[in-house]
Amino acid sequence: MSADAERAPYPLEGGCACRQVRYRLLTPPLFVHACHCRWCQRETGSAFALNAMVEGERVALLAGEPEMVDTPSESGRGQRIARCPRCRVALWSHYAGAGPTVKFLRVGTLDAPDHLPPDIHIFTASKQPWVVLPPDAAAVPEYYDRRAYWPEAALERWQAWRERHPQGRHP
């Protein structure tokens, strides 16, 4: 994870636009993805989605209850998006590969999203041609091998998660 993410003043709070649903990110995420796939572009109505991957128990719900919306995905396995039932803002996703115990938190819903810049840009083969990535940014045409990009501390947390969730699915 980025140095910014490590230095952030945890916990960080966030929520939807109408403030009905509020949450607290208790620790740094495992890793932050800027996903440039065409599905994320369509879902967000923007050039990419910025998701902080974190174990679900490290996100505390403070107010409200998001509605889980089943949404198609390019893989055909779908995802469940947690949305505010009033303003419909997407707060996080549960992807089929990781299951319900891992959240892909929408960084833009944090009150201070500046703390979590992307650790990697993924699916850059389909990024918008006018998006210019910084020359030193980690970027891959599709997905990646986490062992090649994640810091050791994140890999250790991931292994601990796998031991706690042996029947869980893994991205």
N, C-alpha and C. Protein backbone atom coordinates (compact mmCIF):
# COMPACT_ATOMS: atom_id res chain seq x y z
N MET A 1 0.83 -1.18 0.00
CA MET A 1 0.00 0.00 0.00
C MET A 1 0.87 1.24 0.00
N SER A 2 0.33 2.34 -0.42
CA SER A 2 1.12 3.56 -0.57
C SER A 2 1.54 4.11 0.79
N ALA A 3 2.57 4.92 0.77
CA ALA A 3 3.02 5.58 1.99
C ALA A 3 1.92 6.49 2.52
N ASP A 4 1.14 7.12 1.62
CA ASP A 4 0.03 7.97 2.05
C ASP A 4 -0.97 7.16 2.87
N ALA A 5 -1.28 5.95 2.40
CA ALA A 5 -2.24 5.10 3.10
C ALA A 5 -1.71 4.70 4.47
N GLU A 6 -0.42 4.42 4.57
CA GLU A 6 0.18 4.05 5.84
C GLU A 6 0.16 5.21 6.84
N ARG A 7 0.39 6.42 6.34
CA ARG A 7 0.46 7.60 7.22
C ARG A 7 -0.89 8.22 7.55
N ALA A 8 -1.95 7.78 6.90
CA ALA A 8 -3.27 8.36 7.10
C ALA A 8 -3.67 8.27 8.57
N PRO A 9 -4.46 9.24 9.03
CA PRO A 9 -4.89 9.25 10.43
C PRO A 9 -6.08 8.31 10.67
N TYR A 10 -5.80 7.03 10.79
CA TYR A 10 -6.88 6.05 11.00
C TYR A 10 -7.43 6.17 12.39
N PRO A 11 -8.73 5.95 12.52
CA PRO A 11 -9.66 5.53 11.48
C PRO A 11 -10.06 6.69 10.57
N LEU A 12 -10.50 6.32 9.35
CA LEU A 12 -11.04 7.28 8.39
C LEU A 12 -12.53 7.02 8.27
N GLU A 13 -13.30 8.08 8.16
CA GLU A 13 -14.75 7.91 8.02
C GLU A 13 -15.21 8.29 6.63
N GLY A 14 -16.35 7.75 6.27
CA GLY A 14 -16.92 8.04 4.97
C GLY A 14 -18.39 7.70 4.95
N GLY A 15 -18.99 7.88 3.79
CA GLY A 15 -20.40 7.58 3.65
C GLY A 15 -20.95 8.07 2.34
N CYS A 16 -22.24 7.99 2.23
CA CYS A 16 -22.93 8.35 1.01
C CYS A 16 -23.15 9.86 0.94
N ALA A 17 -23.74 10.32 -0.16
CA ALA A 17 -23.96 11.75 -0.38
C ALA A 17 -24.98 12.34 0.58
N CYS A 18 -26.02 11.59 0.93
CA CYS A 18 -27.07 12.13 1.81
C CYS A 18 -26.77 11.91 3.29
N ARG A 19 -25.69 11.20 3.59
CA ARG A 19 -25.22 10.92 4.94
C ARG A 19 -26.10 9.94 5.73
N GLN A 20 -26.99 9.25 5.04
CA GLN A 20 -27.80 8.24 5.73
C GLN A 20 -26.95 7.04 6.12
N VAL A 21 -26.01 6.65 5.25
CA VAL A 21 -25.12 5.52 5.55
C VAL A 21 -23.73 6.09 5.81
N ARG A 22 -23.18 5.75 6.97
CA ARG A 22 -21.84 6.20 7.36
C ARG A 22 -21.05 4.99 7.80
N TYR A 23 -19.75 5.00 7.53
CA TYR A 23 -18.88 3.90 7.93
C TYR A 23 -17.55 4.45 8.40
N ARG A 24 -16.76 3.57 9.01
CA ARG A 24 -15.41 3.92 9.49
C ARG A 24 -14.44 2.84 9.01
N LEU A 25 -13.40 3.26 8.29
CA LEU A 25 -12.31 2.38 7.89
C LEU A 25 -11.31 2.39 9.04
N LEU A 26 -11.15 1.25 9.70
CA LEU A 26 -10.39 1.19 10.94
C LEU A 26 -8.88 1.16 10.74
N THR A 27 -8.42 0.60 9.62
CA THR A 27 -6.99 0.42 9.36
C THR A 27 -6.69 0.71 7.89
N PRO A 28 -5.43 0.76 7.53
CA PRO A 28 -5.12 0.87 6.10
C PRO A 28 -5.70 -0.33 5.34
N PRO A 29 -6.07 -0.11 4.08
CA PRO A 29 -6.53 -1.24 3.28
C PRO A 29 -5.36 -2.15 2.91
N LEU A 30 -5.69 -3.29 2.33
CA LEU A 30 -4.66 -4.18 1.83
C LEU A 30 -3.95 -3.56 0.63
N PHE A 31 -4.75 -3.02 -0.29
CA PHE A 31 -4.20 -2.47 -1.53
C PHE A 31 -5.29 -1.63 -2.19
N VAL A 32 -4.90 -0.65 -2.97
CA VAL A 32 -5.85 0.23 -3.65
C VAL A 32 -5.69 0.08 -5.16
N HIS A 33 -6.81 -0.25 -5.82
CA HIS A 33 -6.83 -0.46 -7.27
C HIS A 33 -7.53 0.70 -7.97
N ALA A 34 -6.93 1.21 -9.02
CA ALA A 34 -7.64 2.06 -9.97
C ALA A 34 -7.96 1.14 -11.13
N CYS A 35 -9.22 0.76 -11.27
CA CYS A 35 -9.61 -0.21 -12.29
C CYS A 35 -10.16 0.53 -13.50
N HIS A 36 -9.52 0.30 -14.64
CA HIS A 36 -9.88 0.96 -15.88
C HIS A 36 -10.68 0.06 -16.82
N CYS A 37 -11.24 -1.05 -16.31
CA CYS A 37 -12.02 -1.92 -17.19
C CYS A 37 -13.30 -1.20 -17.63
N ARG A 38 -13.84 -1.64 -18.75
CA ARG A 38 -15.03 -0.97 -19.30
C ARG A 38 -16.25 -1.16 -18.40
N TRP A 39 -16.29 -2.24 -17.62
CA TRP A 39 -17.41 -2.43 -16.69
C TRP A 39 -17.36 -1.39 -15.59
N CYS A 40 -16.19 -1.14 -15.03
CA CYS A 40 -16.07 -0.10 -13.99
C CYS A 40 -16.36 1.28 -14.57
N GLN A 41 -15.95 1.50 -15.80
CA GLN A 41 -16.25 2.78 -16.44
C GLN A 41 -17.77 2.96 -16.55
N ARG A 42 -18.47 1.94 -16.97
CA ARG A 42 -19.92 2.02 -17.11
C ARG A 42 -20.60 2.20 -15.75
N GLU A 43 -20.16 1.40 -14.77
CA GLU A 43 -20.75 1.45 -13.43
C GLU A 43 -20.61 2.81 -12.77
N THR A 44 -19.44 3.41 -12.92
CA THR A 44 -19.18 4.68 -12.25
C THR A 44 -19.55 5.89 -13.09
N GLY A 45 -19.71 5.68 -14.40
CA GLY A 45 -19.94 6.80 -15.29
C GLY A 45 -18.70 7.68 -15.41
N SER A 46 -17.54 7.07 -15.17
CA SER A 46 -16.28 7.81 -15.17
C SER A 46 -15.21 6.97 -15.86
N ALA A 47 -13.97 7.42 -15.78
CA ALA A 47 -12.88 6.75 -16.48
C ALA A 47 -12.37 5.50 -15.76
N PHE A 48 -12.60 5.42 -14.44
CA PHE A 48 -12.15 4.26 -13.67
C PHE A 48 -12.82 4.25 -12.31
N ALA A 49 -12.73 3.12 -11.64
CA ALA A 49 -13.19 3.00 -10.25
C ALA A 49 -11.95 2.94 -9.37
N LEU A 50 -12.01 3.60 -8.23
CA LEU A 50 -10.90 3.56 -7.27
C LEU A 50 -11.38 2.82 -6.04
N ASN A 51 -10.88 1.58 -5.87
CA ASN A 51 -11.34 0.67 -4.82
C ASN A 51 -10.21 0.33 -3.86
N ALA A 52 -10.48 0.47 -2.56
CA ALA A 52 -9.56 0.05 -1.51
C ALA A 52 -10.01 -1.32 -1.03
N MET A 53 -9.18 -2.33 -1.28
CA MET A 53 -9.50 -3.70 -0.89
C MET A 53 -9.17 -3.88 0.59
N VAL A 54 -10.17 -4.30 1.39
CA VAL A 54 -9.98 -4.41 2.83
C VAL A 54 -10.85 -5.55 3.38
N GLU A 55 -10.34 -6.18 4.42
CA GLU A 55 -11.11 -7.21 5.11
C GLU A 55 -12.36 -6.54 5.71
N GLY A 56 -13.50 -7.20 5.56
CA GLY A 56 -14.76 -6.62 6.01
C GLY A 56 -14.80 -6.22 7.46
N GLU A 57 -14.14 -6.97 8.32
CA GLU A 57 -14.17 -6.65 9.75
C GLU A 57 -13.40 -5.38 10.08
N ARG A 58 -12.68 -4.84 9.11
CA ARG A 58 -11.94 -3.59 9.33
C ARG A 58 -12.73 -2.36 8.88
N VAL A 59 -14.01 -2.58 8.55
CA VAL A 59 -14.92 -1.49 8.21
C VAL A 59 -16.11 -1.59 9.15
N ALA A 60 -16.33 -0.54 9.94
CA ALA A 60 -17.43 -0.52 10.90
C ALA A 60 -18.56 0.35 10.35
N LEU A 61 -19.76 -0.17 10.37
CA LEU A 61 -20.93 0.59 9.96
C LEU A 61 -21.34 1.48 11.12
N LEU A 62 -21.43 2.80 10.89
CA LEU A 62 -21.75 3.76 11.94
C LEU A 62 -23.22 4.17 11.93
N ALA A 63 -23.80 4.25 10.75
CA ALA A 63 -25.20 4.68 10.63
C ALA A 63 -25.80 4.11 9.36
N GLY A 64 -27.09 3.83 9.42
CA GLY A 64 -27.80 3.35 8.26
C GLY A 64 -27.44 1.92 7.91
N GLU A 65 -28.06 1.43 6.88
CA GLU A 65 -27.82 0.07 6.41
C GLU A 65 -27.84 0.11 4.89
N PRO A 66 -26.71 -0.20 4.26
CA PRO A 66 -26.72 -0.19 2.79
C PRO A 66 -27.58 -1.31 2.23
N GLU A 67 -28.07 -1.08 1.05
CA GLU A 67 -28.82 -2.08 0.32
C GLU A 67 -27.85 -2.80 -0.60
N MET A 68 -27.87 -4.13 -0.60
CA MET A 68 -26.99 -4.91 -1.46
C MET A 68 -27.69 -5.13 -2.80
N VAL A 69 -27.04 -4.68 -3.85
CA VAL A 69 -27.61 -4.75 -5.20
C VAL A 69 -26.76 -5.70 -6.04
N ASP A 70 -27.38 -6.77 -6.54
CA ASP A 70 -26.68 -7.69 -7.43
C ASP A 70 -26.49 -7.00 -8.78
N THR A 71 -25.24 -7.00 -9.25
CA THR A 71 -24.88 -6.28 -10.46
C THR A 71 -24.07 -7.21 -11.36
N PRO A 72 -24.35 -7.24 -12.66
CA PRO A 72 -23.57 -8.08 -13.57
C PRO A 72 -22.13 -7.60 -13.65
N SER A 73 -21.26 -8.50 -14.06
CA SER A 73 -19.86 -8.15 -14.29
C SER A 73 -19.38 -8.88 -15.54
N GLU A 74 -18.27 -8.43 -16.07
CA GLU A 74 -17.74 -9.03 -17.29
C GLU A 74 -17.40 -10.51 -17.10
N SER A 75 -16.99 -10.87 -15.88
CA SER A 75 -16.64 -12.27 -15.62
C SER A 75 -17.86 -13.18 -15.67
N GLY A 76 -19.04 -12.60 -15.57
CA GLY A 76 -20.26 -13.40 -15.53
C GLY A 76 -20.62 -13.86 -14.14
N ARG A 77 -19.72 -13.62 -13.16
CA ARG A 77 -19.98 -14.04 -11.78
C ARG A 77 -20.62 -12.95 -10.95
N GLY A 78 -20.66 -11.74 -11.46
CA GLY A 78 -21.34 -10.63 -10.81
C GLY A 78 -20.63 -10.10 -9.59
N GLN A 79 -21.24 -9.09 -9.03
CA GLN A 79 -20.79 -8.50 -7.78
C GLN A 79 -22.00 -7.97 -7.04
N ARG A 80 -21.85 -7.78 -5.75
CA ARG A 80 -22.90 -7.19 -4.92
C ARG A 80 -22.40 -5.82 -4.51
N ILE A 81 -23.13 -4.78 -4.88
CA ILE A 81 -22.73 -3.42 -4.56
C ILE A 81 -23.57 -2.92 -3.40
N ALA A 82 -22.90 -2.43 -2.35
CA ALA A 82 -23.57 -1.83 -1.20
C ALA A 82 -23.89 -0.39 -1.56
N ARG A 83 -25.18 -0.07 -1.64
CA ARG A 83 -25.62 1.28 -2.01
C ARG A 83 -26.50 1.86 -0.92
N CYS A 84 -26.44 3.17 -0.79
CA CYS A 84 -27.37 3.84 0.12
C CYS A 84 -28.78 3.66 -0.46
N PRO A 85 -29.74 3.25 0.37
CA PRO A 85 -31.10 3.05 -0.15
C PRO A 85 -31.78 4.37 -0.51
N ARG A 86 -31.29 5.49 -0.01
CA ARG A 86 -31.91 6.78 -0.32
C ARG A 86 -31.25 7.46 -1.52
N CYS A 87 -29.94 7.74 -1.46
CA CYS A 87 -29.28 8.49 -2.54
C CYS A 87 -28.64 7.59 -3.59
N ARG A 88 -28.56 6.28 -3.33
CA ARG A 88 -28.09 5.26 -4.27
C ARG A 88 -26.59 5.27 -4.53
N VAL A 89 -25.82 6.03 -3.77
CA VAL A 89 -24.37 6.06 -3.94
C VAL A 89 -23.79 4.69 -3.60
N ALA A 90 -22.86 4.21 -4.43
CA ALA A 90 -22.17 2.95 -4.19
C ALA A 90 -21.07 3.18 -3.16
N LEU A 91 -21.08 2.40 -2.07
CA LEU A 91 -20.10 2.54 -0.98
C LEU A 91 -18.98 1.51 -1.08
N TRP A 92 -19.32 0.29 -1.41
CA TRP A 92 -18.34 -0.78 -1.60
C TRP A 92 -18.97 -1.90 -2.40
N SER A 93 -18.12 -2.80 -2.85
CA SER A 93 -18.57 -3.99 -3.58
C SER A 93 -18.03 -5.24 -2.91
N HIS A 94 -18.75 -6.31 -3.12
CA HIS A 94 -18.27 -7.66 -2.80
C HIS A 94 -18.22 -8.38 -4.14
N TYR A 95 -17.03 -8.69 -4.60
CA TYR A 95 -16.87 -9.39 -5.87
C TYR A 95 -16.99 -10.88 -5.64
N ALA A 96 -17.48 -11.59 -6.65
CA ALA A 96 -17.70 -13.03 -6.53
C ALA A 96 -16.42 -13.76 -6.16
N GLY A 97 -15.28 -13.30 -6.65
CA GLY A 97 -14.02 -13.98 -6.37
C GLY A 97 -13.58 -13.90 -4.93
N ALA A 98 -13.98 -12.86 -4.22
CA ALA A 98 -13.56 -12.67 -2.83
C ALA A 98 -14.66 -13.00 -1.84
N GLY A 99 -15.90 -12.91 -2.28
CA GLY A 99 -17.01 -13.21 -1.39
C GLY A 99 -17.36 -12.06 -0.48
N PRO A 100 -18.27 -12.30 0.47
CA PRO A 100 -18.82 -11.22 1.29
C PRO A 100 -17.93 -10.73 2.42
N THR A 101 -16.80 -11.37 2.66
CA THR A 101 -15.96 -10.95 3.78
C THR A 101 -14.85 -9.99 3.38
N VAL A 102 -14.78 -9.63 2.10
CA VAL A 102 -13.80 -8.66 1.62
C VAL A 102 -14.56 -7.52 0.95
N LYS A 103 -14.26 -6.31 1.36
CA LYS A 103 -14.91 -5.15 0.76
C LYS A 103 -13.94 -4.45 -0.19
N PHE A 104 -14.48 -3.99 -1.31
CA PHE A 104 -13.77 -3.13 -2.23
C PHE A 104 -14.41 -1.77 -2.06
N LEU A 105 -13.87 -1.02 -1.11
CA LEU A 105 -14.42 0.24 -0.67
C LEU A 105 -14.18 1.32 -1.71
N ARG A 106 -15.23 2.06 -2.09
CA ARG A 106 -15.09 3.15 -3.05
C ARG A 106 -14.38 4.31 -2.35
N VAL A 107 -13.15 4.56 -2.73
CA VAL A 107 -12.32 5.57 -2.09
C VAL A 107 -12.98 6.95 -2.11
N GLY A 108 -13.69 7.26 -3.17
CA GLY A 108 -14.35 8.56 -3.28
C GLY A 108 -15.43 8.80 -2.24
N THR A 109 -15.87 7.74 -1.52
CA THR A 109 -16.88 7.93 -0.48
C THR A 109 -16.26 8.26 0.88
N LEU A 110 -14.94 8.25 0.97
CA LEU A 110 -14.28 8.67 2.21
C LEU A 110 -14.39 10.18 2.35
N ASP A 111 -14.48 10.65 3.58
CA ASP A 111 -14.49 12.10 3.81
C ASP A 111 -13.17 12.72 3.38
N ALA A 112 -12.09 11.97 3.48
CA ALA A 112 -10.75 12.45 3.08
C ALA A 112 -10.14 11.42 2.11
N PRO A 113 -10.64 11.36 0.86
CA PRO A 113 -10.15 10.35 -0.07
C PRO A 113 -8.70 10.55 -0.50
N ASP A 114 -8.15 11.72 -0.26
CA ASP A 114 -6.77 12.01 -0.66
C ASP A 114 -5.76 11.06 -0.02
N HIS A 115 -6.13 10.44 1.10
CA HIS A 115 -5.21 9.54 1.80
C HIS A 115 -4.97 8.22 1.08
N LEU A 116 -5.82 7.88 0.12
CA LEU A 116 -5.71 6.56 -0.51
C LEU A 116 -5.56 6.66 -2.03
N PRO A 117 -4.41 7.10 -2.51
CA PRO A 117 -4.17 7.07 -3.95
C PRO A 117 -3.99 5.63 -4.41
N PRO A 118 -4.11 5.39 -5.70
CA PRO A 118 -3.98 4.01 -6.18
C PRO A 118 -2.57 3.45 -6.00
N ASP A 119 -2.52 2.20 -5.56
CA ASP A 119 -1.25 1.46 -5.51
C ASP A 119 -0.93 0.89 -6.88
N ILE A 120 -1.98 0.63 -7.66
CA ILE A 120 -1.80 0.02 -8.98
C ILE A 120 -2.98 0.42 -9.87
N HIS A 121 -2.71 0.54 -11.15
CA HIS A 121 -3.75 0.74 -12.17
C HIS A 121 -3.91 -0.58 -12.88
N ILE A 122 -5.14 -1.10 -12.89
CA ILE A 122 -5.40 -2.40 -13.50
C ILE A 122 -6.32 -2.25 -14.71
N PHE A 123 -6.28 -3.24 -15.59
CA PHE A 123 -7.05 -3.26 -16.83
C PHE A 123 -6.78 -2.00 -17.66
N THR A 124 -5.51 -1.62 -17.71
CA THR A 124 -5.14 -0.43 -18.48
C THR A 124 -5.26 -0.66 -19.99
N ALA A 125 -5.38 -1.89 -20.42
CA ALA A 125 -5.57 -2.16 -21.85
C ALA A 125 -6.86 -1.52 -22.35
N SER A 126 -7.82 -1.29 -21.45
CA SER A 126 -9.09 -0.68 -21.85
C SER A 126 -9.29 0.71 -21.24
N LYS A 127 -8.22 1.31 -20.72
CA LYS A 127 -8.36 2.65 -20.15
C LYS A 127 -8.67 3.65 -21.25
N GLN A 128 -9.27 4.74 -20.85
CA GLN A 128 -9.55 5.81 -21.81
C GLN A 128 -8.22 6.38 -22.31
N PRO A 129 -8.09 6.61 -23.60
CA PRO A 129 -6.80 7.05 -24.14
C PRO A 129 -6.35 8.41 -23.63
N TRP A 130 -7.27 9.23 -23.15
CA TRP A 130 -6.90 10.54 -22.63
C TRP A 130 -6.46 10.51 -21.17
N VAL A 131 -6.59 9.35 -20.51
CA VAL A 131 -6.10 9.22 -19.13
C VAL A 131 -4.59 8.96 -19.23
N VAL A 132 -3.82 9.84 -18.63
CA VAL A 132 -2.37 9.72 -18.65
C VAL A 132 -1.91 9.31 -17.26
N LEU A 133 -1.30 8.15 -17.16
CA LEU A 133 -0.83 7.65 -15.87
C LEU A 133 0.54 8.25 -15.56
N PRO A 134 0.82 8.49 -14.29
CA PRO A 134 2.16 8.97 -13.92
C PRO A 134 3.21 7.95 -14.38
N PRO A 135 4.38 8.42 -14.82
CA PRO A 135 5.40 7.50 -15.34
C PRO A 135 5.86 6.46 -14.34
N ASP A 136 5.80 6.76 -13.04
CA ASP A 136 6.26 5.81 -12.03
C ASP A 136 5.13 4.96 -11.45
N ALA A 137 3.91 5.07 -11.99
CA ALA A 137 2.77 4.32 -11.46
C ALA A 137 2.86 2.85 -11.84
N ALA A 138 2.52 1.99 -10.89
CA ALA A 138 2.39 0.56 -11.20
C ALA A 138 1.14 0.40 -12.06
N ALA A 139 1.28 -0.28 -13.18
CA ALA A 139 0.15 -0.44 -14.10
C ALA A 139 0.30 -1.75 -14.85
N VAL A 140 -0.84 -2.42 -15.03
CA VAL A 140 -0.86 -3.69 -15.75
C VAL A 140 -2.02 -3.70 -16.74
N PRO A 141 -1.87 -4.41 -17.86
CA PRO A 141 -2.92 -4.43 -18.88
C PRO A 141 -4.22 -5.07 -18.40
N GLU A 142 -4.12 -6.08 -17.51
CA GLU A 142 -5.32 -6.74 -16.99
C GLU A 142 -5.22 -6.80 -15.47
N TYR A 143 -5.33 -8.01 -14.89
CA TYR A 143 -5.15 -8.14 -13.45
C TYR A 143 -3.70 -8.50 -13.19
N TYR A 144 -3.32 -8.81 -11.95
CA TYR A 144 -1.92 -8.98 -11.59
C TYR A 144 -1.76 -10.07 -10.55
N ASP A 145 -0.54 -10.46 -10.34
CA ASP A 145 -0.17 -11.41 -9.29
C ASP A 145 0.13 -10.59 -8.04
N ARG A 146 -0.67 -10.77 -7.00
CA ARG A 146 -0.50 -9.93 -5.78
C ARG A 146 0.89 -10.08 -5.18
N ARG A 147 1.51 -11.26 -5.30
CA ARG A 147 2.85 -11.45 -4.73
C ARG A 147 3.89 -10.54 -5.38
N ALA A 148 3.61 -10.11 -6.59
CA ALA A 148 4.55 -9.25 -7.30
C ALA A 148 4.38 -7.77 -6.94
N TYR A 149 3.24 -7.39 -6.35
CA TYR A 149 2.97 -5.97 -6.12
C TYR A 149 2.64 -5.59 -4.67
N TRP A 150 2.05 -6.49 -3.93
CA TRP A 150 1.64 -6.13 -2.57
C TRP A 150 2.84 -6.08 -1.64
N PRO A 151 2.84 -5.17 -0.67
CA PRO A 151 3.89 -5.17 0.35
C PRO A 151 3.74 -6.39 1.26
N GLU A 152 4.81 -6.75 1.90
CA GLU A 152 4.82 -7.95 2.76
C GLU A 152 3.73 -7.90 3.84
N ALA A 153 3.52 -6.76 4.46
CA ALA A 153 2.50 -6.65 5.51
C ALA A 153 1.11 -6.98 4.98
N ALA A 154 0.80 -6.53 3.77
CA ALA A 154 -0.51 -6.83 3.17
C ALA A 154 -0.62 -8.32 2.85
N LEU A 155 0.45 -8.92 2.35
CA LEU A 155 0.44 -10.35 2.07
C LEU A 155 0.22 -11.16 3.35
N GLU A 156 0.83 -10.73 4.44
CA GLU A 156 0.64 -11.42 5.72
C GLU A 156 -0.80 -11.29 6.21
N ARG A 157 -1.38 -10.10 6.08
CA ARG A 157 -2.80 -9.93 6.44
C ARG A 157 -3.69 -10.80 5.58
N TRP A 158 -3.38 -10.88 4.29
CA TRP A 158 -4.18 -11.69 3.37
C TRP A 158 -4.11 -13.16 3.77
N GLN A 159 -2.93 -13.63 4.11
CA GLN A 159 -2.78 -15.02 4.55
C GLN A 159 -3.58 -15.27 5.82
N ALA A 160 -3.55 -14.33 6.75
CA ALA A 160 -4.34 -14.46 7.98
C ALA A 160 -5.83 -14.50 7.66
N TRP A 161 -6.27 -13.68 6.70
CA TRP A 161 -7.67 -13.70 6.28
C TRP A 161 -8.03 -15.07 5.72
N ARG A 162 -7.17 -15.61 4.87
CA ARG A 162 -7.43 -16.92 4.27
C ARG A 162 -7.54 -18.00 5.34
N GLU A 163 -6.73 -17.90 6.39
CA GLU A 163 -6.79 -18.89 7.47
C GLU A 163 -8.09 -18.76 8.26
N ARG A 164 -8.58 -17.53 8.42
CA ARG A 164 -9.85 -17.31 9.12
C ARG A 164 -11.06 -17.69 8.27
N HIS A 165 -10.90 -17.71 6.96
CA HIS A 165 -11.99 -17.97 6.02
C HIS A 165 -11.60 -19.07 5.04
N PRO A 166 -11.36 -20.30 5.54
CA PRO A 166 -10.85 -21.36 4.65
C PRO A 166 -11.83 -21.73 3.54
N GLN A 167 -13.10 -21.48 3.73
CA GLN A 167 -14.10 -21.79 2.68
C GLN A 167 -14.36 -20.61 1.79
N GLY A 168 -13.72 -19.48 2.10
CA GLY A 168 -13.93 -18.26 1.32
C GLY A 168 -13.34 -18.37 -0.07
N ARG A 169 -13.83 -17.52 -0.93
CA ARG A 169 -13.29 -17.45 -2.27
C ARG A 169 -12.24 -16.37 -2.28
N HIS A 170 -11.28 -16.49 -3.16
CA HIS A 170 -10.16 -15.58 -3.17
C HIS A 170 -10.00 -14.96 -4.55
N PRO A 171 -9.76 -13.62 -4.60
CA PRO A 171 -9.55 -13.00 -5.91
C PRO A 171 -8.19 -13.34 -6.47
